């Protein structure tokens, strides 16, 4: 079940009052875990957790695991304490991206107005598709059927007059359901919720509102807007007040530009050897570069994140001379950034790589670097990495990865390391 706050009136039979409710929020159910179950049907019905080793975090959990209190972002060690019989499956981000891309393509067949907000959820405006496909509930059933037929996973769909209400509805519909909140019933639906259900209300905002005696959406809606603004600030207060009355004018934007791509990993044990940290950064840089190429993007900025054994988090970034989607170029920048971080003599618990300043590769003028002009061309490296993309697409994300050779103990030229896989 969804962990979102629930409405006491959410299961009321509203009938088929679909006029004015053209916004759909489609949310994959336990997405990473569902993809893994589709690949491993023998695990269905069992408590499955997707994530790293014991020192990593939970990325997703099946509903059987959630019944034991396991949830996303929980430390894996805590998850295994609560559910020791859980089956831990390592993540395959390439597979998840492939399924996500396919699902979004299916949604695009329904309407051109699709706004992808994450790897596993999107808003749709189906006002223009009603004559062709039917009312929103029929369209929701069509989407759920196609997603299951093509990818063997389920999704929940919320239907409302605004994006905010549709998203709340999909949370109430989980797992594998549909919920329509008619326009006339929107305020009643919202008034039955705790204030924490509103977009933008986290723990701090919830506590600030509670100090003014506001604990439910009904209490917020019945308050004077100036009181809400005094509690949380002028802009945020006005926004929350509007949401409490169901007012959300934001349209569905069909093109949502990706702002960054990142990957990180927590080591099984703290690592004191900087060469090992840099090698892991090579894998992460390669993962980011693969995502860039799949999206047709290049980056200008590379950042690294390092968390030491005392849980300090250190970040460094660098702007590249020329935009790129080549993993080795990202790695070389990340390696230098890592070498320049003062770790205070402490071992490393986590390392991450992030790329920002993204732009479409087709629209970007790329000038050759000095290395490319006199030595190894980037085109050759890109072709090698594109070949690796094709191998991953066929045999899975873990079937091949880039590595480094050691020259005097220092990682040098890029090499390719093949992981044993069944290629039959």
Protein backbone atom coordinates (compact mmCIF):
# COMPACT_ATOMS: atom_id res chain seq x y z
CA UNK A 1 0.00 0.00 0.00
CA UNK A 2 1.01 3.61 -0.46
CA UNK A 3 2.53 5.30 2.57
CA UNK A 4 0.78 8.57 1.67
CA UNK A 5 -1.90 9.94 4.04
CA UNK A 6 -5.31 8.44 3.24
CA UNK A 7 -8.70 10.07 2.97
CA UNK A 8 -11.59 8.59 4.93
CA UNK A 9 -13.90 9.28 1.96
CA UNK A 10 -11.55 8.00 -0.76
CA UNK A 11 -13.48 4.75 -1.29
CA UNK A 12 -16.86 6.48 -1.64
CA UNK A 13 -18.67 5.57 -4.87
CA UNK A 14 -18.69 8.86 -6.74
CA UNK A 15 -20.41 7.35 -9.76
CA UNK A 16 -19.22 8.27 -13.24
CA UNK A 17 -18.95 12.03 -12.76
CA UNK A 18 -16.02 12.48 -15.11
CA UNK A 19 -16.80 15.88 -16.59
CA UNK A 20 -13.95 18.31 -15.94
CA UNK A 21 -11.62 15.53 -14.78
CA UNK A 22 -9.14 15.22 -17.63
CA UNK A 23 -5.89 14.98 -15.62
CA UNK A 24 -4.46 11.52 -14.97
CA UNK A 25 -1.54 10.63 -12.74
CA UNK A 26 -0.04 7.26 -13.67
CA UNK A 27 2.25 5.74 -11.04
CA UNK A 28 3.99 2.37 -11.39
CA UNK A 29 3.46 0.11 -8.37
CA UNK A 30 6.74 -0.66 -6.55
CA UNK A 31 8.42 -0.04 -9.90
CA UNK A 32 11.93 -1.45 -9.46
CA UNK A 33 10.60 -4.46 -7.56
CA UNK A 34 7.86 -5.05 -10.14
CA UNK A 35 10.39 -5.07 -12.99
CA UNK A 36 12.45 -7.64 -11.10
CA UNK A 37 9.37 -9.83 -10.51
CA UNK A 38 8.51 -9.66 -14.20
CA UNK A 39 12.02 -10.97 -14.92
CA UNK A 40 11.85 -13.55 -12.10
CA UNK A 41 8.26 -14.82 -11.87
CA UNK A 42 9.32 -17.41 -9.30
CA UNK A 43 9.69 -14.60 -6.75
CA UNK A 44 6.06 -13.47 -6.97
CA UNK A 45 4.30 -13.54 -3.62
CA UNK A 46 7.58 -13.35 -1.70
CA UNK A 47 9.08 -10.41 0.24
CA UNK A 48 11.55 -9.01 -2.29
CA UNK A 49 13.76 -5.99 -1.64
CA UNK A 50 15.73 -4.21 -4.36
CA UNK A 51 18.88 -2.49 -3.17
CA UNK A 52 22.56 -2.67 -2.45
CA UNK A 53 24.45 -4.68 0.12
CA UNK A 54 23.82 -4.57 3.85
CA UNK A 55 25.23 -1.02 4.07
CA UNK A 56 23.16 0.29 1.18
CA UNK A 57 19.56 1.47 1.14
CA UNK A 58 16.30 0.00 -0.06
CA UNK A 59 15.35 1.24 -3.53
CA UNK A 60 12.05 -0.63 -3.70
CA UNK A 61 10.17 -3.39 -1.91
CA UNK A 62 7.28 -5.64 -2.85
CA UNK A 63 4.07 -5.26 -0.91
CA UNK A 64 4.84 -8.52 0.89
CA UNK A 65 8.02 -6.89 2.25
CA UNK A 66 6.21 -3.64 3.01
CA UNK A 67 3.88 -5.56 5.31
CA UNK A 68 6.91 -5.93 7.62
CA UNK A 69 7.55 -2.17 7.58
CA UNK A 70 10.18 -2.19 4.82
CA UNK A 71 10.10 0.89 2.59
CA UNK A 72 12.21 2.80 0.09
CA UNK A 73 15.18 4.79 1.45
CA UNK A 74 15.39 2.57 4.56
CA UNK A 75 18.90 1.31 5.36
CA UNK A 76 19.23 -2.25 4.12
CA UNK A 77 20.47 -3.40 7.51
CA UNK A 78 17.27 -2.11 9.15
CA UNK A 79 15.13 -3.69 6.43
CA UNK A 80 16.72 -7.09 6.99
CA UNK A 81 16.21 -6.79 10.75
CA UNK A 82 12.51 -6.16 10.21
CA UNK A 83 12.17 -8.78 7.49
CA UNK A 84 15.05 -11.30 7.78
CA UNK A 85 13.41 -13.61 5.24
CA UNK A 86 13.50 -10.91 2.54
CA UNK A 87 15.09 -11.79 -0.80
CA UNK A 88 17.53 -9.03 -1.76
CA UNK A 89 17.94 -8.37 -5.48
CA UNK A 90 20.69 -6.02 -6.72
CA UNK A 91 19.37 -3.16 -8.87
CA UNK A 92 19.66 -3.11 -12.65
CA UNK A 93 19.14 0.54 -13.56
CA UNK A 94 19.55 -0.09 -17.26
CA UNK A 95 16.60 -2.49 -17.22
CA UNK A 96 14.48 -0.02 -15.24
CA UNK A 97 15.29 2.75 -17.70
CA UNK A 98 14.34 0.54 -20.64
CA UNK A 99 10.96 -0.32 -19.09
CA UNK A 100 10.36 3.31 -18.10
CA UNK A 101 11.08 4.47 -21.65
CA UNK A 102 8.67 1.88 -23.01
CA UNK A 103 5.90 2.83 -20.59
CA UNK A 104 6.26 6.51 -21.44
CA UNK A 105 6.03 5.59 -25.12
CA UNK A 106 2.74 3.79 -24.41
CA UNK A 107 1.43 6.87 -22.61
CA UNK A 108 2.45 8.99 -25.59
CA UNK A 109 0.20 6.81 -27.76
CA UNK A 110 -2.74 7.93 -25.62
CA UNK A 111 -2.07 11.66 -25.72
CA UNK A 112 0.72 14.03 -26.69
CA UNK A 113 0.27 15.83 -23.36
CA UNK A 114 2.46 13.59 -21.17
CA UNK A 115 4.64 15.09 -18.45
CA UNK A 116 7.10 12.57 -17.05
CA UNK A 117 7.99 13.55 -13.49
CA UNK A 118 10.18 10.58 -12.56
CA UNK A 119 11.27 7.20 -13.85
CA UNK A 120 7.96 5.63 -12.74
CA UNK A 121 5.27 8.31 -12.88
CA UNK A 122 3.73 10.82 -15.27
CA UNK A 123 0.81 13.22 -15.65
CA UNK A 124 -1.46 13.08 -18.69
CA UNK A 125 -4.06 15.54 -19.95
CA UNK A 126 -6.58 13.39 -21.84
CA UNK A 127 -9.13 16.10 -22.68
CA UNK A 128 -8.26 15.80 -26.36
CA UNK A 129 -8.32 12.00 -26.33
CA UNK A 130 -11.84 11.50 -24.95
CA UNK A 131 -13.60 11.46 -28.32
CA UNK A 132 -11.15 8.89 -29.67
CA UNK A 133 -10.69 6.66 -26.60
CA UNK A 134 -13.60 7.36 -24.27
CA UNK A 135 -13.95 8.89 -20.77
CA UNK A 136 -10.98 9.10 -18.39
CA UNK A 137 -11.84 5.91 -16.48
CA UNK A 138 -11.88 3.96 -19.76
CA UNK A 139 -8.55 5.54 -20.74
CA UNK A 140 -7.12 4.61 -17.32
CA UNK A 141 -8.21 0.99 -17.82
CA UNK A 142 -6.63 0.99 -21.28
CA UNK A 143 -3.31 2.29 -19.88
CA UNK A 144 -3.21 -0.26 -17.09
CA UNK A 145 -3.98 -3.12 -19.47
CA UNK A 146 -1.32 -2.08 -22.00
CA UNK A 147 1.36 -1.60 -19.36
CA UNK A 148 0.68 -5.04 -17.91
CA UNK A 149 0.52 -6.74 -21.32
CA UNK A 150 3.78 -5.22 -22.55
CA UNK A 151 5.90 -5.26 -19.39
CA UNK A 152 4.21 -7.54 -16.84
CA UNK A 153 3.96 -4.77 -14.21
CA UNK A 154 1.03 -2.91 -12.70
CA UNK A 155 0.28 0.77 -12.27
CA UNK A 156 -2.22 2.85 -10.35
CA UNK A 157 -4.06 5.78 -11.90
CA UNK A 158 -5.55 8.82 -10.20
CA UNK A 159 -8.06 11.00 -12.05
CA UNK A 160 -8.94 14.54 -11.06
CA UNK A 161 -9.55 18.08 -12.22
CA UNK A 162 -5.98 19.17 -11.31
CA UNK A 163 -2.53 17.62 -11.14
CA UNK A 164 -2.49 17.87 -7.36
CA UNK A 165 -5.78 16.00 -6.92
CA UNK A 166 -4.86 13.37 -9.53
CA UNK A 167 -1.61 12.61 -7.70
CA UNK A 168 -3.41 12.25 -4.38
CA UNK A 169 -5.93 9.96 -6.05
CA UNK A 170 -3.28 7.64 -7.46
CA UNK A 171 -1.79 7.27 -3.98
CA UNK A 172 -5.18 6.19 -2.68
CA UNK A 173 -5.64 3.80 -5.60
CA UNK A 174 -2.48 1.81 -4.85
CA UNK A 175 -1.74 -0.91 -5.51
CA UNK A 176 -3.07 -1.71 -8.99
CA UNK A 177 -6.19 0.46 -8.91
CA UNK A 178 -7.98 3.52 -10.26
CA UNK A 179 -9.58 6.35 -8.31
CA UNK A 180 -11.61 9.23 -9.77
CA UNK A 181 -12.19 12.35 -7.66
CA UNK A 182 -15.01 14.32 -9.36
CA UNK A 183 -14.68 18.09 -9.49
CA UNK A 184 -17.67 18.61 -7.20
CA UNK A 185 -16.22 16.22 -4.61
CA UNK A 186 -12.68 17.64 -4.57
CA UNK A 187 -13.07 19.88 -1.53
CA UNK A 188 -14.79 17.16 0.54
CA UNK A 189 -12.01 14.75 -0.40
CA UNK A 190 -9.29 17.20 0.59
CA UNK A 191 -10.93 18.19 3.87
CA UNK A 192 -10.75 14.58 5.08
CA UNK A 193 -6.93 14.55 4.80
CA UNK A 194 -4.17 15.46 7.26
CA UNK A 195 -2.28 18.59 6.31
CA UNK A 196 0.79 16.49 5.55
CA UNK A 197 -0.95 15.26 2.39
CA UNK A 198 -0.53 18.65 0.70
CA UNK A 199 2.29 19.11 -1.79
CA UNK A 200 5.17 20.92 -0.14
CA UNK A 201 4.30 19.98 3.44
CA UNK A 202 7.21 18.08 4.96
CA UNK A 203 7.95 17.44 8.60
CA UNK A 204 9.15 20.99 9.31
CA UNK A 205 6.20 22.67 7.59
CA UNK A 206 3.79 20.27 9.28
CA UNK A 207 5.29 21.14 12.67
CA UNK A 208 5.12 24.88 11.90
CA UNK A 209 1.43 24.61 11.00
CA UNK A 210 0.73 22.49 14.09
CA UNK A 211 2.08 25.31 16.28
CA UNK A 212 -0.78 27.42 14.91
CA UNK A 213 -3.32 24.65 15.55
CA UNK A 214 -3.50 23.53 11.91
CA UNK A 215 -3.30 19.75 11.61
CA UNK A 216 -5.80 18.92 8.87
CA UNK A 217 -6.54 20.30 5.43
CA UNK A 218 -9.98 21.33 6.72
CA UNK A 219 -8.38 23.42 9.48
CA UNK A 220 -6.03 25.01 6.96
CA UNK A 221 -8.86 25.83 4.54
CA UNK A 222 -10.94 27.35 7.36
CA UNK A 223 -8.02 29.52 8.54
CA UNK A 224 -7.38 33.04 7.35
CA UNK A 225 -4.74 33.01 4.60
CA UNK A 226 -2.64 35.52 6.54
CA UNK A 227 -2.48 33.10 9.46
CA UNK A 228 -1.14 30.37 7.19
CA UNK A 229 1.38 32.82 5.73
CA UNK A 230 2.58 33.77 9.21
CA UNK A 231 3.11 30.08 9.95
CA UNK A 232 5.09 29.08 6.82
CA UNK A 233 5.87 32.23 4.85
CA UNK A 234 4.01 34.46 2.40
CA UNK A 235 4.48 32.51 -0.85
CA UNK A 236 4.25 29.02 0.62
CA UNK A 237 1.26 29.99 2.76
CA UNK A 238 -0.72 31.32 -0.21
CA UNK A 239 0.12 28.21 -2.23
CA UNK A 240 -0.97 25.80 0.51
CA UNK A 241 -4.16 27.75 1.08
CA UNK A 242 -5.02 27.41 -2.62
CA UNK A 243 -4.30 23.69 -2.57
CA UNK A 244 -6.58 23.20 0.44
CA UNK A 245 -9.45 24.45 -1.73
CA UNK A 246 -8.41 22.33 -4.71
CA UNK A 247 -6.97 25.24 -6.69
CA UNK A 248 -3.97 24.16 -8.80
CA UNK A 249 -3.73 25.96 -12.17
CA UNK A 250 -0.56 24.20 -13.34
CA UNK A 251 -1.05 22.56 -16.75
CA UNK A 252 0.51 19.33 -17.93
CA UNK A 253 3.83 20.21 -19.60
CA UNK A 254 4.61 17.60 -22.27
CA UNK A 255 8.34 18.31 -22.36
CA UNK A 256 10.07 18.18 -18.99
CA UNK A 257 13.77 18.87 -19.40
CA UNK A 258 16.03 16.58 -17.41
CA UNK A 259 18.23 18.77 -15.20
CA UNK A 260 20.78 16.24 -14.02
CA UNK A 261 21.81 12.59 -14.06
CA UNK A 262 23.46 10.92 -11.08
CA UNK A 263 24.58 7.58 -9.68
CA UNK A 264 26.04 6.68 -6.31
CA UNK A 265 26.95 3.60 -4.32
CA UNK A 266 27.62 2.75 -0.69
CA UNK A 267 30.57 0.41 -0.08
CA UNK A 268 30.04 -2.82 1.82
CA UNK A 269 32.86 -1.78 4.16
CA UNK A 270 34.50 1.64 4.47
CA UNK A 271 37.27 2.02 1.90
CA UNK A 272 40.61 3.64 2.73
CA UNK A 273 42.25 2.92 -0.65
CA UNK A 274 41.62 5.94 -2.88
CA UNK A 275 42.27 3.85 -6.01
CA UNK A 276 39.26 1.67 -5.11
CA UNK A 277 37.10 4.77 -4.67
CA UNK A 278 38.25 6.07 -8.05
CA UNK A 279 37.51 2.73 -9.71
CA UNK A 280 33.96 2.84 -8.35
CA UNK A 281 33.69 6.39 -9.69
CA UNK A 282 34.60 4.93 -13.10
CA UNK A 283 31.58 2.62 -12.94
CA UNK A 284 29.32 5.47 -11.82
CA UNK A 285 30.60 7.82 -14.54
CA UNK A 286 29.95 5.11 -17.11
CA UNK A 287 26.42 4.69 -15.77
CA UNK A 288 25.77 8.43 -16.09
CA UNK A 289 27.22 8.51 -19.61
CA UNK A 290 24.99 5.61 -20.67
CA UNK A 291 21.94 7.52 -19.43
CA UNK A 292 23.06 10.63 -21.32
CA UNK A 293 23.42 8.72 -24.57
CA UNK A 294 20.03 7.05 -24.15
CA UNK A 295 18.49 10.50 -23.64
CA UNK A 296 20.46 12.12 -26.46
CA UNK A 297 22.08 14.57 -24.03
CA UNK A 298 25.55 15.89 -23.26
CA UNK A 299 26.84 17.52 -20.08
CA UNK A 300 29.12 20.40 -19.20
CA UNK A 301 29.44 19.93 -15.42
CA UNK A 302 30.68 16.94 -13.42
CA UNK A 303 30.27 16.67 -9.63
CA UNK A 304 31.36 14.08 -7.10
CA UNK A 305 29.94 13.30 -3.69
CA UNK A 306 31.94 11.52 -1.01
CA UNK A 307 30.62 10.45 2.39
CA UNK A 308 33.29 9.54 4.92
CA UNK A 309 33.01 7.04 7.77
CA UNK A 310 31.88 9.81 10.15
CA UNK A 311 28.94 10.53 7.79
CA UNK A 312 30.32 13.87 6.57
CA UNK A 313 29.26 14.51 2.97
CA UNK A 314 31.72 16.38 0.74
CA UNK A 315 30.96 17.59 -2.80
CA UNK A 316 33.15 19.03 -5.55
CA UNK A 317 32.28 20.04 -9.13
CA UNK A 318 34.01 21.08 -12.34
CA UNK A 319 32.87 22.61 -15.63
CA UNK A 320 34.22 20.76 -18.66
CA UNK A 321 35.95 22.49 -21.54
CA UNK A 322 33.57 20.86 -24.01
CA UNK A 323 30.22 19.03 -23.56
CA UNK A 324 30.40 15.23 -23.60
CA UNK A 325 28.50 11.97 -23.21
CA UNK A 326 31.63 9.81 -22.97
CA UNK A 327 32.08 7.93 -19.71
CA UNK A 328 35.87 8.09 -19.70
CA UNK A 329 35.84 11.89 -19.97
CA UNK A 330 33.42 12.09 -17.05
CA UNK A 331 35.61 9.69 -15.08
CA UNK A 332 38.81 11.66 -15.66
CA UNK A 333 37.15 14.80 -14.27
CA UNK A 334 35.65 12.86 -11.35
CA UNK A 335 39.00 11.22 -10.57
CA UNK A 336 40.74 14.58 -10.26
CA UNK A 337 37.93 15.94 -8.10
CA UNK A 338 38.17 12.95 -5.77
CA UNK A 339 41.94 13.31 -5.53
CA UNK A 340 41.48 16.91 -4.42
CA UNK A 341 39.06 16.16 -1.57
CA UNK A 342 40.51 16.38 1.95
CA UNK A 343 39.17 13.26 3.64
CA UNK A 344 40.88 14.02 6.93
CA UNK A 345 42.46 10.58 6.90
CA UNK A 346 39.03 8.89 7.09
CA UNK A 347 37.90 5.99 4.91
CA UNK A 348 35.07 6.46 2.42
CA UNK A 349 31.56 5.10 2.98
CA UNK A 350 29.83 6.34 -0.19
CA UNK A 351 30.84 7.82 -3.54
CA UNK A 352 28.62 9.42 -6.16
CA UNK A 353 28.91 11.08 -9.57
CA UNK A 354 26.46 13.65 -10.95
CA UNK A 355 26.35 15.53 -14.25
CA UNK A 356 24.54 18.85 -14.72
CA UNK A 357 24.27 21.55 -17.35
CA UNK A 358 22.60 19.16 -19.78
CA UNK A 359 21.76 19.98 -23.39
CA UNK A 360 20.62 18.10 -26.46
CA UNK A 361 23.56 16.46 -28.20
CA UNK A 362 22.10 17.31 -31.61
CA UNK A 363 21.98 21.02 -30.77
CA UNK A 364 25.42 21.27 -29.16
CA UNK A 365 28.52 22.41 -31.00
CA UNK A 366 31.38 20.30 -29.69
CA UNK A 367 34.96 21.51 -30.11
CA UNK A 368 37.74 18.89 -29.93
CA UNK A 369 39.95 18.87 -26.89
CA UNK A 370 43.75 18.93 -27.09
CA UNK A 371 43.80 15.20 -26.25
CA UNK A 372 41.45 14.48 -29.15
CA UNK A 373 43.49 16.60 -31.56
CA UNK A 374 46.80 14.83 -30.89
CA UNK A 375 45.87 11.48 -29.44
CA UNK A 376 42.96 9.17 -28.86
CA UNK A 377 39.80 10.51 -30.58
CA UNK A 378 36.62 10.80 -28.56
CA UNK A 379 34.70 9.33 -31.48
CA UNK A 380 36.48 6.00 -31.01
CA UNK A 381 35.76 5.96 -27.28
CA UNK A 382 32.14 6.89 -27.91
CA UNK A 383 31.75 4.03 -30.40
CA UNK A 384 33.15 1.58 -27.85
CA UNK A 385 30.76 2.83 -25.19
CA UNK A 386 27.82 2.72 -27.61
CA UNK A 387 28.70 -0.91 -28.32
CA UNK A 388 28.63 -1.53 -24.56
CA UNK A 389 25.16 0.09 -24.47
CA UNK A 390 23.95 -2.45 -27.02
CA UNK A 391 25.34 -5.35 -24.98
CA UNK A 392 23.62 -4.06 -21.84
CA UNK A 393 20.37 -3.63 -23.77
CA UNK A 394 20.42 -7.28 -24.76
CA UNK A 395 21.97 -9.02 -21.76
CA UNK A 396 21.33 -6.64 -18.85
CA UNK A 397 23.14 -3.79 -17.15
CA UNK A 398 25.61 -6.05 -15.31
CA UNK A 399 26.80 -7.91 -18.41
CA UNK A 400 29.59 -5.46 -19.25
CA UNK A 401 31.27 -2.51 -17.59
CA UNK A 402 34.18 -0.17 -18.20
CA UNK A 403 37.33 -0.55 -16.14
CA UNK A 404 40.77 0.94 -15.79
CA UNK A 405 44.28 -0.39 -16.03
CA UNK A 406 46.87 0.51 -13.43
CA UNK A 407 50.07 2.35 -14.29
CA UNK A 408 52.25 2.78 -11.24
CA UNK A 409 49.21 2.27 -9.04
CA UNK A 410 47.27 5.05 -10.79
CA UNK A 411 44.26 4.33 -13.05
CA UNK A 412 45.15 5.26 -16.62
CA UNK A 413 43.69 4.40 -20.00
CA UNK A 414 40.14 3.14 -20.29
CA UNK A 415 39.71 -0.58 -20.84
CA UNK A 416 36.66 -2.77 -21.23
CA UNK A 417 35.93 -5.51 -18.72
CA UNK A 418 33.43 -8.22 -19.57
CA UNK A 419 31.44 -9.85 -16.79
CA UNK A 420 30.60 -13.54 -17.38
CA UNK A 421 27.05 -13.79 -18.73
CA UNK A 422 24.88 -16.31 -20.50
CA UNK A 423 25.07 -15.14 -24.10
CA UNK A 424 23.00 -17.97 -25.55
